[in-house]
Amino acid sequence: MGAKCSRYERQPMADDFYADIYDDEEMRRCVSDTSSWMTNLPENVTLLPIRTIAIPGSHDTGAYMLDVEKPVAPDESNIIQFFGKSLFAKRLIRRWSLTQSMTLKEQLEAGVRYLDMRPGYCQEDDDFYFVHGLYGPRIADMLIDLAQFLDEHPKEVVILDFNHFYLTKPYKPLTKRFEGLIVEHLSDKLLSPEGAGCNSSLTDIWKQGKQVITFFSDDAGPFENPLFWDHTQYYSPWFNTSSSSVLVNELENRFNDLKENSFNVFQAILSPQTSTIVLHWASSLRKYLVSPGSRVIAAWLRKVYTEKKKHVNICICDFIQEDNCLTSIIQLNSLLKS
């Protein structure tokens, strides 16, 4: 199989810790064709439990577009919804709520395989949208893009994590309707949690012809479809810090806090505090926290590689393409060959 170039091909680093990977044909294919990196993994890696593979994830996946023409989204507090009615206020919310710059399709092509989904119901449209401070893309449109990508890449596997729901009461009719939306677009691709669960390998999943692991939070009521996974096979502590040094310390501590027989998420994200936004309201999440923070995260990923730590599973970032963080996560899988 020849390597297919990608517009998201990794950019060279001045201080390149990964030079040896480019003597490895299989890993070179993974990082040169990020749209098919799972397909191109070394065979022995595809036989390992998927919970041991390094998987790039986008934090607040759908927050690449937020609509200031719609009301403040239901994930915000009542006080912010009350004071956030002006266009000025909504533009401020958007600056500090945008977490990605690539569309879902672009994220998938760039190699993202964990999608952090926050669905909310918009009563005036009678429809479901991604929400993060404001309303973003329609969930149905995101599912269409996901299904199309998976059809075009039949050996790529995506973890779809609906970890918060912002619905209106009564929940049950909307919950059932949302379940139907997932099944409508992805039913033939959904992997059952029964059997090996998160200990399934990519090879196991490929043999079943499945491509999507779908986690659901129960905060909107229990979901009844047996193809949906609950969060008992998933561990994702949030560090809630705006300090790069604290974040790196917490990420290091995650190696001593891994949950067995579970997906383990490393949340490599900096979170603005209320004081951060008040003092730097004219700035933005990307400018004030993510751009400087991503350089620190990239350095931490290089350190993980040079120290040959093999236990990074899902690693999520804001603006995940910055400073080669995305491909640096994929490249950690070279450690699993030995």
Foldseek 3Di string as FASTA:
>chain_A
DDADADPLQDDDDPPDLQVVVVVPVLLNSCRRFLLANLVSHPPVQLQFQLLLAQAEAAALQQLLFFDLVDQFFQVDDPVCSVPQNDSVSLVLQSQAFRQANDHLLVCSRNNHAEYAFEWEADVVVRFIAGHTRGGGHGPLVSLQSVLVSCVVHQLAAHEYEHAYYHYDPPLVVVLVVVVVSCCVRFVQAQAFCPDLRSRGGSVNSVVSSHHYAAEHECPSHDDDDRSHHYCPQEDEDDPAAQDLVVLLVVLVCVVVVDDPNHRYERELEHHDDPVNCVVPSVHGCCVPGVQVNVVSVLVSLSVCQVVLPRRNNYYYGGNCSPPNNNSSSNSSCVSVVD
